[in-house]
C-alpha cells in the first residue's frame, strides 16, 4: 500500500481490525490511537455528531495548544481510519483540486496522506465508530 502525491489516499474495502493495524504499523510509528464517534455535545468536533470542515489532522490540536502557550509536537504524516461500526456520515477528501466522498461501512478502511489530502465529515454520525491511528512515517 503506497501513498503518492498523485494518489494520497487508499480505500480498503474488506479487512478486519487486526490486518488493518498490521498494515498500518508497516507505514511508521503510531503517535496516537483513538476511537472516533459521536460521544459528546462539546469539545473536539471529532467526538460530536456534527459536520467537520476539510482539515489536516493536528491543526485543531496545534491551535488549541498555541492558545494555551503550549506546542503540539505529534507528527501526523498518515491518518489511518478503520470502520468498527458503519453509518451514513460521508467522509470528504480533497487533494490537488480533486475530491472524493466515501461512506465507510464496517470492515472498510481509509489510509490518508495527512500532508497532502484534507478530510472532513458531512451528515449524521449516529453510532458510527472509527478506529483512528496517527502515524509518523518511517525515515522522516
C-alpha atoms as a PDB file:
ATOM      1  CA  UNK A   1       0.000   0.000   0.000  1.00  0.00           C
ATOM      2  CA  UNK A   2       1.730   3.123  -1.212  1.00  0.00           C
ATOM      3  CA  UNK A   3       0.596   6.701  -0.875  1.00  0.00           C
ATOM      4  CA  UNK A   4       1.861   9.082  -3.546  1.00  0.00           C
ATOM      5  CA  UNK A   5       1.264  12.767  -4.325  1.00  0.00           C
ATOM      6  CA  UNK A   6      -0.985  11.661  -7.193  1.00  0.00           C
ATOM      7  CA  UNK A   7      -2.801   9.079  -5.035  1.00  0.00           C
ATOM      8  CA  UNK A   8      -2.641  10.378  -1.452  1.00  0.00           C
ATOM      9  CA  UNK A   9      -5.291   8.029  -0.081  1.00  0.00           C
ATOM     10  CA  UNK A  10      -6.166   4.348  -0.248  1.00  0.00           C
ATOM     11  CA  UNK A  11      -9.579   2.766   0.315  1.00  0.00           C
ATOM     12  CA  UNK A  12      -9.643  -0.809   1.609  1.00  0.00           C
ATOM     13  CA  UNK A  13     -12.988  -2.492   1.048  1.00  0.00           C
ATOM     14  CA  UNK A  14     -12.804  -5.651   3.138  1.00  0.00           C
ATOM     15  CA  UNK A  15     -10.441  -6.082   6.060  1.00  0.00           C
ATOM     16  CA  UNK A  16     -10.508  -6.654   9.778  1.00  0.00           C
ATOM     17  CA  UNK A  17      -9.035  -4.599  12.606  1.00  0.00           C
ATOM     18  CA  UNK A  18      -6.104  -6.975  13.138  1.00  0.00           C
ATOM     19  CA  UNK A  19      -4.988  -6.946   9.478  1.00  0.00           C
ATOM     20  CA  UNK A  20      -5.615  -3.201   9.258  1.00  0.00           C
ATOM     21  CA  UNK A  21      -3.360  -2.497  12.239  1.00  0.00           C
ATOM     22  CA  UNK A  22      -0.612  -4.815  10.954  1.00  0.00           C
ATOM     23  CA  UNK A  23      -0.566  -2.973   7.603  1.00  0.00           C
ATOM     24  CA  UNK A  24      -0.700   0.485   9.173  1.00  0.00           C
ATOM     25  CA  UNK A  25       2.199  -0.306  11.500  1.00  0.00           C
ATOM     26  CA  UNK A  26       4.349  -1.068   8.445  1.00  0.00           C
ATOM     27  CA  UNK A  27       3.958   2.586   7.416  1.00  0.00           C
ATOM     28  CA  UNK A  28       5.602   4.030  10.513  1.00  0.00           C
ATOM     29  CA  UNK A  29       5.322   4.712  14.210  1.00  0.00           C
ATOM     30  CA  UNK A  30       1.902   5.341  15.756  1.00  0.00           C
ATOM     31  CA  UNK A  31       1.746   8.654  17.620  1.00  0.00           C
ATOM     32  CA  UNK A  32      -1.869   8.254  18.747  1.00  0.00           C
ATOM     33  CA  UNK A  33      -4.577   5.601  18.567  1.00  0.00           C
ATOM     34  CA  UNK A  34      -8.159   6.538  19.401  1.00  0.00           C
ATOM     35  CA  UNK A  35     -11.800   5.708  18.847  1.00  0.00           C
ATOM     36  CA  UNK A  36     -13.768   8.368  16.946  1.00  0.00           C
ATOM     37  CA  UNK A  37     -17.520   8.512  17.396  1.00  0.00           C
ATOM     38  CA  UNK A  38     -20.292  10.869  18.465  1.00  0.00           C
ATOM     39  CA  UNK A  39     -19.633  10.786  22.210  1.00  0.00           C
ATOM     40  CA  UNK A  40     -20.227  14.363  23.347  1.00  0.00           C
ATOM     41  CA  UNK A  41     -22.065  17.632  22.939  1.00  0.00           C
ATOM     42  CA  UNK A  42     -18.985  19.880  23.292  1.00  0.00           C
ATOM     43  CA  UNK A  43     -15.206  19.736  22.945  1.00  0.00           C
ATOM     44  CA  UNK A  44     -13.433  18.305  19.938  1.00  0.00           C
ATOM     45  CA  UNK A  45     -15.526  18.226  16.777  1.00  0.00           C
ATOM     46  CA  UNK A  46     -14.429  14.657  16.057  1.00  0.00           C
ATOM     47  CA  UNK A  47     -16.399  13.474  19.121  1.00  0.00           C
ATOM     48  CA  UNK A  48     -19.618  15.292  18.239  1.00  0.00           C
ATOM     49  CA  UNK A  49     -22.442  14.496  15.840  1.00  0.00           C
ATOM     50  CA  UNK A  50     -21.714  17.434  13.540  1.00  0.00           C
ATOM     51  CA  UNK A  51     -20.198  18.248  10.169  1.00  0.00           C
ATOM     52  CA  UNK A  52     -16.440  18.798  10.171  1.00  0.00           C
ATOM     53  CA  UNK A  53     -14.863  21.129   7.594  1.00  0.00           C
ATOM     54  CA  UNK A  54     -11.966  19.917   5.480  1.00  0.00           C
ATOM     55  CA  UNK A  55      -8.764  19.846   7.540  1.00  0.00           C
ATOM     56  CA  UNK A  56      -5.475  18.089   8.180  1.00  0.00           C
ATOM     57  CA  UNK A  57      -5.377  16.154  11.451  1.00  0.00           C
ATOM     58  CA  UNK A  58      -3.346  18.013  14.051  1.00  0.00           C
ATOM     59  CA  UNK A  59      -4.464  21.514  13.023  1.00  0.00           C
ATOM     60  CA  UNK A  60      -7.081  21.739  15.790  1.00  0.00           C
ATOM     61  CA  UNK A  61      -4.715  20.323  18.432  1.00  0.00           C
ATOM     62  CA  UNK A  62      -1.926  22.708  17.411  1.00  0.00           C
ATOM     63  CA  UNK A  63      -4.293  25.702  17.540  1.00  0.00           C
ATOM     64  CA  UNK A  64      -5.647  24.733  20.966  1.00  0.00           C
ATOM     65  CA  UNK A  65      -2.126  24.167  22.314  1.00  0.00           C
ATOM     66  CA  UNK A  66      -0.980  27.573  20.982  1.00  0.00           C
ATOM     67  CA  UNK A  67      -3.937  29.266  22.707  1.00  0.00           C
ATOM     68  CA  UNK A  68      -2.573  27.856  25.984  1.00  0.00           C
ATOM     69  CA  UNK A  69       1.030  28.831  25.191  1.00  0.00           C
ATOM     70  CA  UNK A  70       1.948  25.209  24.516  1.00  0.00           C
ATOM     71  CA  UNK A  71       3.103  23.331  21.449  1.00  0.00           C
ATOM     72  CA  UNK A  72       1.621  20.295  19.753  1.00  0.00           C
ATOM     73  CA  UNK A  73       4.524  18.112  18.668  1.00  0.00           C
ATOM     74  CA  UNK A  74       2.947  14.883  17.397  1.00  0.00           C
ATOM     75  CA  UNK A  75       3.849  14.128  13.787  1.00  0.00           C
ATOM     76  CA  UNK A  76       0.805  13.079  11.809  1.00  0.00           C
ATOM     77  CA  UNK A  77       2.106  12.102   8.396  1.00  0.00           C
ATOM     78  CA  UNK A  78      -0.554   9.455   7.829  1.00  0.00           C
ATOM     79  CA  UNK A  79      -4.121   9.195   9.076  1.00  0.00           C
ATOM     80  CA  UNK A  80      -5.496   5.656   9.139  1.00  0.00           C
ATOM     81  CA  UNK A  81      -9.202   5.019   9.743  1.00  0.00           C
ATOM     82  CA  UNK A  82     -10.832   1.621  10.224  1.00  0.00           C
ATOM     83  CA  UNK A  83     -14.630   1.435  10.437  1.00  0.00           C
ATOM     84  CA  UNK A  84     -15.687  -0.540  13.513  1.00  0.00           C
ATOM     85  CA  UNK A  85     -19.360   0.318  13.005  1.00  0.00           C
ATOM     86  CA  UNK A  86     -20.750   1.840   9.826  1.00  0.00           C
ATOM     87  CA  UNK A  87     -23.184   4.686   9.373  1.00  0.00           C
ATOM     88  CA  UNK A  88     -24.466   7.290   6.950  1.00  0.00           C
ATOM     89  CA  UNK A  89     -21.875  10.014   7.575  1.00  0.00           C
ATOM     90  CA  UNK A  90     -19.838  10.928   4.489  1.00  0.00           C
ATOM     91  CA  UNK A  91     -16.060  11.219   4.710  1.00  0.00           C
ATOM     92  CA  UNK A  92     -14.941  14.041   2.427  1.00  0.00           C
ATOM     93  CA  UNK A  93     -11.485  14.063   0.821  1.00  0.00           C
ATOM     94  CA  UNK A  94      -9.756  16.907  -1.062  1.00  0.00           C
ATOM     95  CA  UNK A  95      -6.309  16.936  -2.665  1.00  0.00           C
ATOM     96  CA  UNK A  96      -4.694  18.868  -5.505  1.00  0.00           C
ATOM     97  CA  UNK A  97      -8.068  20.128  -6.787  1.00  0.00           C
ATOM     98  CA  UNK A  98      -9.648  16.658  -6.626  1.00  0.00           C
ATOM     99  CA  UNK A  99     -12.402  15.452  -4.316  1.00  0.00           C
ATOM    100  CA  UNK A 100     -13.932  12.174  -3.187  1.00  0.00           C
ATOM    101  CA  UNK A 101     -16.829  11.248  -0.903  1.00  0.00           C
ATOM    102  CA  UNK A 102     -16.863   7.919   0.920  1.00  0.00           C
ATOM    103  CA  UNK A 103     -19.411   6.390   3.286  1.00  0.00           C
ATOM    104  CA  UNK A 104     -17.399   3.994   5.415  1.00  0.00           C
ATOM    105  CA  UNK A 105     -19.051   0.761   6.432  1.00  0.00           C
ATOM    106  CA  UNK A 106     -17.970  -1.892   8.905  1.00  0.00           C
ATOM    107  CA  UNK A 107     -14.759  -3.600   7.794  1.00  0.00           C
ATOM    108  CA  UNK A 108     -13.682  -0.811   5.436  1.00  0.00           C
ATOM    109  CA  UNK A 109     -10.670   1.453   5.911  1.00  0.00           C
ATOM    110  CA  UNK A 110      -9.044   4.627   4.619  1.00  0.00           C
ATOM    111  CA  UNK A 111      -5.338   5.412   4.704  1.00  0.00           C
ATOM    112  CA  UNK A 112      -4.684   9.118   4.041  1.00  0.00           C
ATOM    113  CA  UNK A 113      -1.518  11.145   3.490  1.00  0.00           C
ATOM    114  CA  UNK A 114      -2.155  13.860   6.072  1.00  0.00           C
ATOM    115  CA  UNK A 115       0.314  16.236   4.410  1.00  0.00           C
ATOM    116  CA  UNK A 116      -1.452  16.228   1.011  1.00  0.00           C
ATOM    117  CA  UNK A 117      -5.066  15.186   1.489  1.00  0.00           C
ATOM    118  CA  UNK A 118      -7.502  17.119   3.672  1.00  0.00           C
ATOM    119  CA  UNK A 119     -10.527  15.307   5.048  1.00  0.00           C
ATOM    120  CA  UNK A 120     -13.822  16.244   6.643  1.00  0.00           C
ATOM    121  CA  UNK A 121     -17.196  14.833   7.523  1.00  0.00           C
ATOM    122  CA  UNK A 122     -20.754  15.557   6.456  1.00  0.00           C
ATOM    123  CA  UNK A 123     -24.046  14.171   7.703  1.00  0.00           C
ATOM    124  CA  UNK A 124     -25.236  12.498  10.845  1.00  0.00           C
ATOM    125  CA  UNK A 125     -22.605  10.396  12.612  1.00  0.00           C
ATOM    126  CA  UNK A 126     -25.149   8.500  14.694  1.00  0.00           C
ATOM    127  CA  UNK A 127     -23.470   5.450  16.176  1.00  0.00           C
ATOM    128  CA  UNK A 128     -20.736   5.151  13.535  1.00  0.00           C
ATOM    129  CA  UNK A 129     -17.416   4.340  15.174  1.00  0.00           C
ATOM    130  CA  UNK A 130     -13.901   4.509  13.721  1.00  0.00           C
ATOM    131  CA  UNK A 131     -10.531   3.338  14.953  1.00  0.00           C
ATOM    132  CA  UNK A 132      -8.147   6.234  14.186  1.00  0.00           C
ATOM    133  CA  UNK A 133      -4.366   5.857  14.046  1.00  0.00           C
ATOM    134  CA  UNK A 134      -1.965   8.759  13.594  1.00  0.00           C
ATOM    135  CA  UNK A 135       1.316   7.612  12.041  1.00  0.00           C
ATOM    136  CA  UNK A 136       4.731   9.238  11.804  1.00  0.00           C
ATOM    137  CA  UNK A 137       6.386   7.897   8.653  1.00  0.00           C
ATOM    138  CA  UNK A 138       9.497   5.782   8.898  1.00  0.00           C
ATOM    139  CA  UNK A 139      12.733   7.594   7.958  1.00  0.00           C
ATOM    140  CA  UNK A 140      11.305  11.119   8.013  1.00  0.00           C
END
